Amino acid sequence: MPYTQRDLVWLHDPIPLPDGTTLPHPVLIISCSTANSFEKSYTGVMMSATAHRDKFSFPCTDDMFEGPLKANSQLRLYIIIGFK
C-alpha cells in the first residue's frame, strides 16, 4: 500500500455536503502498515480548520508540515474515518 502511518493525505472521494458540493479533506493515517495491508484500507483522523477548541483536538502549525495551513488547523482525534 502506498501510504504508511503518520502520512497526511487528501481523501480521494471528498465528503458530500447537503447542498450537493463536496469538501476535500486531509486525513492523518493512524493505522499501522500491517493493518493497512491486511484490510486493504486505512484508518485516519481528520484535520479541521474551525476555531472550535477542545481537549480532543491537536493544534497544528505550519512548521509541522511542508506547506502553509489554514488558520486554526487542528487534528480532531474523535473524527475517525476508514477509507481506501
PDB file of N, CA and C in Angstrom:
ATOM      1  N   MET A   1       0.866  -1.166   0.000  1.00  0.00           N
ATOM      2  CA  MET A   1       0.000   0.000   0.000  1.00  0.00           C
ATOM      3  C   MET A   1       0.913   1.230   0.000  1.00  0.00           C
ATOM      4  N   PRO A   2       0.523   2.278  -0.721  1.00  0.00           N
ATOM      5  CA  PRO A   2       1.442   3.400  -0.921  1.00  0.00           C
ATOM      6  C   PRO A   2       1.631   4.334   0.278  1.00  0.00           C
ATOM      7  N   TYR A   3       0.747   4.298   1.263  1.00  0.00           N
ATOM      8  CA  TYR A   3       0.858   5.205   2.407  1.00  0.00           C
ATOM      9  C   TYR A   3       1.171   4.427   3.673  1.00  0.00           C
ATOM     10  N   THR A   4       1.739   5.119   4.659  1.00  0.00           N
ATOM     11  CA  THR A   4       2.048   4.489   5.937  1.00  0.00           C
ATOM     12  C   THR A   4       1.529   5.349   7.083  1.00  0.00           C
ATOM     13  N   GLN A   5       1.612   4.792   8.280  1.00  0.00           N
ATOM     14  CA  GLN A   5       1.196   5.508   9.486  1.00  0.00           C
ATOM     15  C   GLN A   5       1.927   6.852   9.562  1.00  0.00           C
ATOM     16  N   ARG A   6       1.215   7.876   9.930  1.00  0.00           N
ATOM     17  CA  ARG A   6       1.682   9.261  10.082  1.00  0.00           C
ATOM     18  C   ARG A   6       1.688  10.058   8.783  1.00  0.00           C
ATOM     19  N   ASP A   7       1.305   9.443   7.646  1.00  0.00           N
ATOM     20  CA  ASP A   7       1.186  10.213   6.400  1.00  0.00           C
ATOM     21  C   ASP A   7      -0.084  11.054   6.461  1.00  0.00           C
ATOM     22  N   LEU A   8      -0.002  12.268   5.968  1.00  0.00           N
ATOM     23  CA  LEU A   8      -1.169  13.141   5.849  1.00  0.00           C
ATOM     24  C   LEU A   8      -1.567  13.137   4.379  1.00  0.00           C
ATOM     25  N   VAL A   9      -2.780  12.685   4.084  1.00  0.00           N
ATOM     26  CA  VAL A   9      -3.228  12.531   2.701  1.00  0.00           C
ATOM     27  C   VAL A   9      -4.583  13.207   2.512  1.00  0.00           C
ATOM     28  N   TRP A  10      -4.914  13.527   1.271  1.00  0.00           N
ATOM     29  CA  TRP A  10      -6.247  14.034   0.931  1.00  0.00           C
ATOM     30  C   TRP A  10      -7.134  12.841   0.610  1.00  0.00           C
ATOM     31  N   LEU A  11      -8.367  12.858   1.075  1.00  0.00           N
ATOM     32  CA  LEU A  11      -9.317  11.809   0.705  1.00  0.00           C
ATOM     33  C   LEU A  11      -9.541  11.858  -0.801  1.00  0.00           C
ATOM     34  N   HIS A  12      -9.524  10.692  -1.442  1.00  0.00           N
ATOM     35  CA  HIS A  12      -9.754  10.640  -2.885  1.00  0.00           C
ATOM     36  C   HIS A  12     -11.210  10.972  -3.216  1.00  0.00           C
ATOM     37  N   ASP A  13     -12.125  10.591  -2.348  1.00  0.00           N
ATOM     38  CA  ASP A  13     -13.547  10.894  -2.534  1.00  0.00           C
ATOM     39  C   ASP A  13     -13.932  11.948  -1.510  1.00  0.00           C
ATOM     40  N   PRO A  14     -14.013  13.220  -1.933  1.00  0.00           N
ATOM     41  CA  PRO A  14     -14.351  14.286  -0.979  1.00  0.00           C
ATOM     42  C   PRO A  14     -15.700  14.047  -0.303  1.00  0.00           C
ATOM     43  N   ILE A  15     -15.880  14.624   0.853  1.00  0.00           N
ATOM     44  CA  ILE A  15     -17.094  14.459   1.654  1.00  0.00           C
ATOM     45  C   ILE A  15     -18.251  15.206   0.992  1.00  0.00           C
ATOM     46  N   PRO A  16     -19.385  14.519   0.732  1.00  0.00           N
ATOM     47  CA  PRO A  16     -20.534  15.215   0.142  1.00  0.00           C
ATOM     48  C   PRO A  16     -21.220  16.106   1.181  1.00  0.00           C
ATOM     49  N   LEU A  17     -21.571  17.319   0.772  1.00  0.00           N
ATOM     50  CA  LEU A  17     -22.262  18.257   1.652  1.00  0.00           C
ATOM     51  C   LEU A  17     -23.742  18.314   1.275  1.00  0.00           C
ATOM     52  N   PRO A  18     -24.607  18.787   2.183  1.00  0.00           N
ATOM     53  CA  PRO A  18     -26.048  18.827   1.919  1.00  0.00           C
ATOM     54  C   PRO A  18     -26.433  19.620   0.666  1.00  0.00           C
ATOM     55  N   ASP A  19     -25.648  20.637   0.300  1.00  0.00           N
ATOM     56  CA  ASP A  19     -26.003  21.442  -0.868  1.00  0.00           C
ATOM     57  C   ASP A  19     -25.539  20.818  -2.186  1.00  0.00           C
ATOM     58  N   GLY A  20     -24.968  19.593  -2.130  1.00  0.00           N
ATOM     59  CA  GLY A  20     -24.543  18.901  -3.336  1.00  0.00           C
ATOM     60  C   GLY A  20     -23.071  19.101  -3.694  1.00  0.00           C
ATOM     61  N   THR A  21     -22.399  20.046  -3.050  1.00  0.00           N
ATOM     62  CA  THR A  21     -20.978  20.242  -3.306  1.00  0.00           C
ATOM     63  C   THR A  21     -20.181  19.213  -2.482  1.00  0.00           C
ATOM     64  N   THR A  22     -18.901  19.168  -2.711  1.00  0.00           N
ATOM     65  CA  THR A  22     -18.062  18.248  -1.955  1.00  0.00           C
ATOM     66  C   THR A  22     -16.954  19.009  -1.246  1.00  0.00           C
ATOM     67  N   LEU A  23     -16.465  18.433  -0.169  1.00  0.00           N
ATOM     68  CA  LEU A  23     -15.423  19.051   0.639  1.00  0.00           C
ATOM     69  C   LEU A  23     -14.185  18.162   0.645  1.00  0.00           C
ATOM     70  N   PRO A  24     -13.104  18.581  -0.056  1.00  0.00           N
ATOM     71  CA  PRO A  24     -11.864  17.813   0.044  1.00  0.00           C
ATOM     72  C   PRO A  24     -11.361  17.879   1.484  1.00  0.00           C
ATOM     73  N   HIS A  25     -10.803  16.776   1.974  1.00  0.00           N
ATOM     74  CA  HIS A  25     -10.435  16.758   3.382  1.00  0.00           C
ATOM     75  C   HIS A  25      -9.120  16.041   3.613  1.00  0.00           C
ATOM     76  N   PRO A  26      -8.176  16.668   4.372  1.00  0.00           N
ATOM     77  CA  PRO A  26      -6.949  15.976   4.736  1.00  0.00           C
ATOM     78  C   PRO A  26      -7.183  15.038   5.917  1.00  0.00           C
ATOM     79  N   VAL A  27      -6.482  13.901   5.887  1.00  0.00           N
ATOM     80  CA  VAL A  27      -6.609  12.878   6.924  1.00  0.00           C
ATOM     81  C   VAL A  27      -5.213  12.401   7.317  1.00  0.00           C
ATOM     82  N   LEU A  28      -4.961  12.273   8.617  1.00  0.00           N
ATOM     83  CA  LEU A  28      -3.717  11.718   9.123  1.00  0.00           C
ATOM     84  C   LEU A  28      -3.924  10.224   9.345  1.00  0.00           C
ATOM     85  N   ILE A  29      -3.116   9.390   8.678  1.00  0.00           N
ATOM     86  CA  ILE A  29      -3.250   7.940   8.806  1.00  0.00           C
ATOM     87  C   ILE A  29      -2.710   7.502  10.165  1.00  0.00           C
ATOM     88  N   ILE A  30      -3.541   6.765  10.916  1.00  0.00           N
ATOM     89  CA  ILE A  30      -3.133   6.276  12.236  1.00  0.00           C
ATOM     90  C   ILE A  30      -2.992   4.758  12.273  1.00  0.00           C
ATOM     91  N   SER A  31      -3.474   4.056  11.248  1.00  0.00           N
ATOM     92  CA  SER A  31      -3.345   2.599  11.236  1.00  0.00           C
ATOM     93  C   SER A  31      -1.934   2.197  10.808  1.00  0.00           C
ATOM     94  N   CYS A  32      -1.475   1.061  11.315  1.00  0.00           N
ATOM     95  CA  CYS A  32      -0.121   0.599  11.003  1.00  0.00           C
ATOM     96  C   CYS A  32      -0.088  -0.127   9.649  1.00  0.00           C
ATOM     97  N   SER A  33       1.097  -0.297   9.108  1.00  0.00           N
ATOM     98  CA  SER A  33       1.266  -0.916   7.786  1.00  0.00           C
ATOM     99  C   SER A  33       0.705  -2.337   7.746  1.00  0.00           C
ATOM    100  N   THR A  34       0.834  -3.091   8.834  1.00  0.00           N
ATOM    101  CA  THR A  34       0.305  -4.458   8.875  1.00  0.00           C
ATOM    102  C   THR A  34      -1.207  -4.437   8.696  1.00  0.00           C
ATOM    103  N   ALA A  35      -1.880  -3.572   9.434  1.00  0.00           N
ATOM    104  CA  ALA A  35      -3.338  -3.465   9.311  1.00  0.00           C
ATOM    105  C   ALA A  35      -3.724  -2.942   7.930  1.00  0.00           C
ATOM    106  N   ASN A  36      -2.996  -1.962   7.415  1.00  0.00           N
ATOM    107  CA  ASN A  36      -3.307  -1.404   6.098  1.00  0.00           C
ATOM    108  C   ASN A  36      -3.244  -2.479   5.018  1.00  0.00           C
ATOM    109  N   SER A  37      -2.210  -3.315   5.038  1.00  0.00           N
ATOM    110  CA  SER A  37      -2.061  -4.335   4.002  1.00  0.00           C
ATOM    111  C   SER A  37      -3.068  -5.473   4.190  1.00  0.00           C
ATOM    112  N   PHE A  38      -3.391  -5.815   5.429  1.00  0.00           N
ATOM    113  CA  PHE A  38      -4.358  -6.886   5.685  1.00  0.00           C
ATOM    114  C   PHE A  38      -5.770  -6.457   5.291  1.00  0.00           C
ATOM    115  N   GLU A  39      -6.173  -5.264   5.685  1.00  0.00           N
ATOM    116  CA  GLU A  39      -7.529  -4.774   5.433  1.00  0.00           C
ATOM    117  C   GLU A  39      -7.684  -4.141   4.043  1.00  0.00           C
ATOM    118  N   LYS A  40      -6.564  -3.810   3.400  1.00  0.00           N
ATOM    119  CA  LYS A  40      -6.585  -3.103   2.110  1.00  0.00           C
ATOM    120  C   LYS A  40      -7.294  -1.752   2.225  1.00  0.00           C
ATOM    121  N   SER A  41      -7.147  -1.139   3.392  1.00  0.00           N
ATOM    122  CA  SER A  41      -7.725   0.177   3.646  1.00  0.00           C
ATOM    123  C   SER A  41      -6.922   0.840   4.758  1.00  0.00           C
ATOM    124  N   TYR A  42      -7.284   2.071   5.088  1.00  0.00           N
ATOM    125  CA  TYR A  42      -6.584   2.861   6.099  1.00  0.00           C
ATOM    126  C   TYR A  42      -7.574   3.343   7.144  1.00  0.00           C
ATOM    127  N   THR A  43      -7.064   3.692   8.313  1.00  0.00           N
ATOM    128  CA  THR A  43      -7.835   4.374   9.343  1.00  0.00           C
ATOM    129  C   THR A  43      -7.106   5.670   9.644  1.00  0.00           C
ATOM    130  N   GLY A  44      -7.859   6.768   9.748  1.00  0.00           N
ATOM    131  CA  GLY A  44      -7.218   8.050   9.996  1.00  0.00           C
ATOM    132  C   GLY A  44      -8.092   8.990  10.803  1.00  0.00           C
ATOM    133  N   VAL A  45      -7.485  10.090  11.235  1.00  0.00           N
ATOM    134  CA  VAL A  45      -8.216  11.158  11.912  1.00  0.00           C
ATOM    135  C   VAL A  45      -8.227  12.371  10.989  1.00  0.00           C
ATOM    136  N   MET A  46      -9.324  13.084  10.996  1.00  0.00           N
ATOM    137  CA  MET A  46      -9.498  14.201  10.077  1.00  0.00           C
ATOM    138  C   MET A  46      -8.926  15.499  10.632  1.00  0.00           C
ATOM    139  N   MET A  47      -8.479  16.339   9.717  1.00  0.00           N
ATOM    140  CA  MET A  47      -7.988  17.664  10.067  1.00  0.00           C
ATOM    141  C   MET A  47      -9.123  18.664   9.832  1.00  0.00           C
ATOM    142  N   SER A  48      -9.214  19.657  10.681  1.00  0.00           N
ATOM    143  CA  SER A  48     -10.234  20.686  10.576  1.00  0.00           C
ATOM    144  C   SER A  48      -9.592  22.057  10.741  1.00  0.00           C
ATOM    145  N   ALA A  49     -10.259  23.075  10.237  1.00  0.00           N
ATOM    146  CA  ALA A  49      -9.756  24.442  10.392  1.00  0.00           C
ATOM    147  C   ALA A  49     -10.798  25.339  11.043  1.00  0.00           C
ATOM    148  N   THR A  50     -11.666  24.748  11.854  1.00  0.00           N
ATOM    149  CA  THR A  50     -12.638  25.558  12.587  1.00  0.00           C
ATOM    150  C   THR A  50     -11.983  26.092  13.855  1.00  0.00           C
ATOM    151  N   ALA A  51     -12.511  27.165  14.383  1.00  0.00           N
ATOM    152  CA  ALA A  51     -11.933  27.805  15.566  1.00  0.00           C
ATOM    153  C   ALA A  51     -12.263  27.059  16.861  1.00  0.00           C
ATOM    154  N   HIS A  52     -13.140  26.073  16.792  1.00  0.00           N
ATOM    155  CA  HIS A  52     -13.537  25.311  17.987  1.00  0.00           C
ATOM    156  C   HIS A  52     -12.339  24.588  18.580  1.00  0.00           C
ATOM    157  N   ARG A  53     -12.102  24.753  19.870  1.00  0.00           N
ATOM    158  CA  ARG A  53     -11.007  24.073  20.576  1.00  0.00           C
ATOM    159  C   ARG A  53     -11.588  23.209  21.686  1.00  0.00           C
ATOM    160  N   ASP A  54     -11.062  22.006  21.815  1.00  0.00           N
ATOM    161  CA  ASP A  54     -11.472  21.137  22.914  1.00  0.00           C
ATOM    162  C   ASP A  54     -10.307  20.223  23.279  1.00  0.00           C
ATOM    163  N   LYS A  55     -10.483  19.388  24.281  1.00  0.00           N
ATOM    164  CA  LYS A  55      -9.370  18.562  24.747  1.00  0.00           C
ATOM    165  C   LYS A  55      -9.092  17.365  23.848  1.00  0.00           C
ATOM    166  N   PHE A  56      -9.888  17.167  22.792  1.00  0.00           N
ATOM    167  CA  PHE A  56      -9.677  16.061  21.865  1.00  0.00           C
ATOM    168  C   PHE A  56      -9.169  16.527  20.501  1.00  0.00           C
ATOM    169  N   SER A  57      -8.711  17.762  20.418  1.00  0.00           N
ATOM    170  CA  SER A  57      -8.163  18.307  19.177  1.00  0.00           C
ATOM    171  C   SER A  57      -6.700  18.663  19.387  1.00  0.00           C
ATOM    172  N   PHE A  58      -5.892  18.413  18.380  1.00  0.00           N
ATOM    173  CA  PHE A  58      -4.456  18.646  18.455  1.00  0.00           C
ATOM    174  C   PHE A  58      -4.113  19.792  17.517  1.00  0.00           C
ATOM    175  N   PRO A  59      -3.722  20.957  18.033  1.00  0.00           N
ATOM    176  CA  PRO A  59      -3.401  22.098  17.164  1.00  0.00           C
ATOM    177  C   PRO A  59      -2.198  21.806  16.270  1.00  0.00           C
ATOM    178  N   CYS A  60      -2.251  22.262  15.046  1.00  0.00           N
ATOM    179  CA  CYS A  60      -1.171  22.074  14.071  1.00  0.00           C
ATOM    180  C   CYS A  60      -0.632  23.432  13.641  1.00  0.00           C
ATOM    181  N   THR A  61       0.661  23.497  13.394  1.00  0.00           N
ATOM    182  CA  THR A  61       1.298  24.731  12.945  1.00  0.00           C
ATOM    183  C   THR A  61       2.009  24.496  11.619  1.00  0.00           C
ATOM    184  N   ASP A  62       2.299  25.579  10.909  1.00  0.00           N
ATOM    185  CA  ASP A  62       2.934  25.480   9.598  1.00  0.00           C
ATOM    186  C   ASP A  62       4.257  24.728   9.637  1.00  0.00           C
ATOM    187  N   ASP A  63       5.015  24.885  10.723  1.00  0.00           N
ATOM    188  CA  ASP A  63       6.326  24.232  10.772  1.00  0.00           C
ATOM    189  C   ASP A  63       6.245  22.714  10.931  1.00  0.00           C
ATOM    190  N   MET A  64       5.048  22.171  11.163  1.00  0.00           N
ATOM    191  CA  MET A  64       4.856  20.724  11.252  1.00  0.00           C
ATOM    192  C   MET A  64       4.648  20.089   9.880  1.00  0.00           C
ATOM    193  N   PHE A  65       4.429  20.914   8.861  1.00  0.00           N
ATOM    194  CA  PHE A  65       4.072  20.423   7.533  1.00  0.00           C
ATOM    195  C   PHE A  65       4.941  21.078   6.464  1.00  0.00           C
ATOM    196  N   GLU A  66       4.846  20.570   5.249  1.00  0.00           N
ATOM    197  CA  GLU A  66       5.666  21.074   4.152  1.00  0.00           C
ATOM    198  C   GLU A  66       5.156  22.381   3.568  1.00  0.00           C
ATOM    199  N   GLY A  67       3.918  22.729   3.841  1.00  0.00           N
ATOM    200  CA  GLY A  67       3.346  23.962   3.314  1.00  0.00           C
ATOM    201  C   GLY A  67       2.485  24.644   4.351  1.00  0.00           C
ATOM    202  N   PRO A  68       1.998  25.841   4.030  1.00  0.00           N
ATOM    203  CA  PRO A  68       1.176  26.578   4.992  1.00  0.00           C
ATOM    204  C   PRO A  68      -0.193  25.931   5.208  1.00  0.00           C
ATOM    205  N   LEU A  69      -0.701  26.071   6.407  1.00  0.00           N
ATOM    206  CA  LEU A  69      -2.017  25.550   6.767  1.00  0.00           C
ATOM    207  C   LEU A  69      -3.017  26.690   6.863  1.00  0.00           C
ATOM    208  N   LYS A  70      -4.289  26.332   6.858  1.00  0.00           N
ATOM    209  CA  LYS A  70      -5.325  27.321   7.136  1.00  0.00           C
ATOM    210  C   LYS A  70      -5.237  27.716   8.602  1.00  0.00           C
ATOM    211  N   ALA A  71      -5.722  28.897   8.915  1.00  0.00           N
ATOM    212  CA  ALA A  71      -5.764  29.345  10.314  1.00  0.00           C
ATOM    213  C   ALA A  71      -6.588  28.356  11.138  1.00  0.00           C
ATOM    214  N   ASN A  72      -6.210  28.151  12.378  1.00  0.00           N
ATOM    215  CA  ASN A  72      -6.910  27.261  13.322  1.00  0.00           C
ATOM    216  C   ASN A  72      -6.846  25.786  12.950  1.00  0.00           C
ATOM    217  N   SER A  73      -5.904  25.370  12.112  1.00  0.00           N
ATOM    218  CA  SER A  73      -5.830  23.957  11.723  1.00  0.00           C
ATOM    219  C   SER A  73      -5.522  23.088  12.935  1.00  0.00           C
ATOM    220  N   GLN A  74      -6.244  21.965  13.027  1.00  0.00           N
ATOM    221  CA  GLN A  74      -6.044  21.024  14.115  1.00  0.00           C
ATOM    222  C   GLN A  74      -6.555  19.655  13.709  1.00  0.00           C
ATOM    223  N   LEU A  75      -5.979  18.632  14.286  1.00  0.00           N
ATOM    224  CA  LEU A  75      -6.440  17.267  14.058  1.00  0.00           C
ATOM    225  C   LEU A  75      -7.505  16.952  15.088  1.00  0.00           C
ATOM    226  N   ARG A  76      -8.626  16.447  14.630  1.00  0.00           N
ATOM    227  CA  ARG A  76      -9.738  16.086  15.509  1.00  0.00           C
ATOM    228  C   ARG A  76      -9.635  14.603  15.839  1.00  0.00           C
ATOM    229  N   LEU A  77      -9.188  14.285  17.035  1.00  0.00           N
ATOM    230  CA  LEU A  77      -8.953  12.901  17.398  1.00  0.00           C
ATOM    231  C   LEU A  77     -10.226  12.076  17.507  1.00  0.00           C
ATOM    232  N   TYR A  78     -11.376  12.705  17.537  1.00  0.00           N
ATOM    233  CA  TYR A  78     -12.644  11.976  17.634  1.00  0.00           C
ATOM    234  C   TYR A  78     -13.335  11.829  16.282  1.00  0.00           C
ATOM    235  N   ILE A  79     -12.769  12.370  15.222  1.00  0.00           N
ATOM    236  CA  ILE A  79     -13.340  12.174  13.889  1.00  0.00           C
ATOM    237  C   ILE A  79     -12.471  11.141  13.182  1.00  0.00           C
ATOM    238  N   ILE A  80     -12.807   9.887  13.390  1.00  0.00           N
ATOM    239  CA  ILE A  80     -12.038   8.780  12.841  1.00  0.00           C
ATOM    240  C   ILE A  80     -12.773   8.247  11.617  1.00  0.00           C
ATOM    241  N   ILE A  81     -12.001   7.979  10.556  1.00  0.00           N
ATOM    242  CA  ILE A  81     -12.605   7.537   9.297  1.00  0.00           C
ATOM    243  C   ILE A  81     -11.791   6.389   8.731  1.00  0.00           C
ATOM    244  N   GLY A  82     -12.486   5.438   8.125  1.00  0.00           N
ATOM    245  CA  GLY A  82     -11.840   4.374   7.379  1.00  0.00           C
ATOM    246  C   GLY A  82     -11.990   4.694   5.893  1.00  0.00           C
ATOM    247  N   PHE A  83     -10.940   4.468   5.123  1.00  0.00           N
ATOM    248  CA  PHE A  83     -11.003   4.782   3.690  1.00  0.00           C
ATOM    249  C   PHE A  83     -10.024   3.920   2.913  1.00  0.00           C
ATOM    250  N   LYS A  84     -10.255   3.806   1.611  1.00  0.00           N
ATOM    251  CA  LYS A  84      -9.373   3.039   0.716  1.00  0.00           C
ATOM    252  C   LYS A  84      -8.517   3.966  -0.085  1.00  0.00           C
TER     253      LYS A  84
END
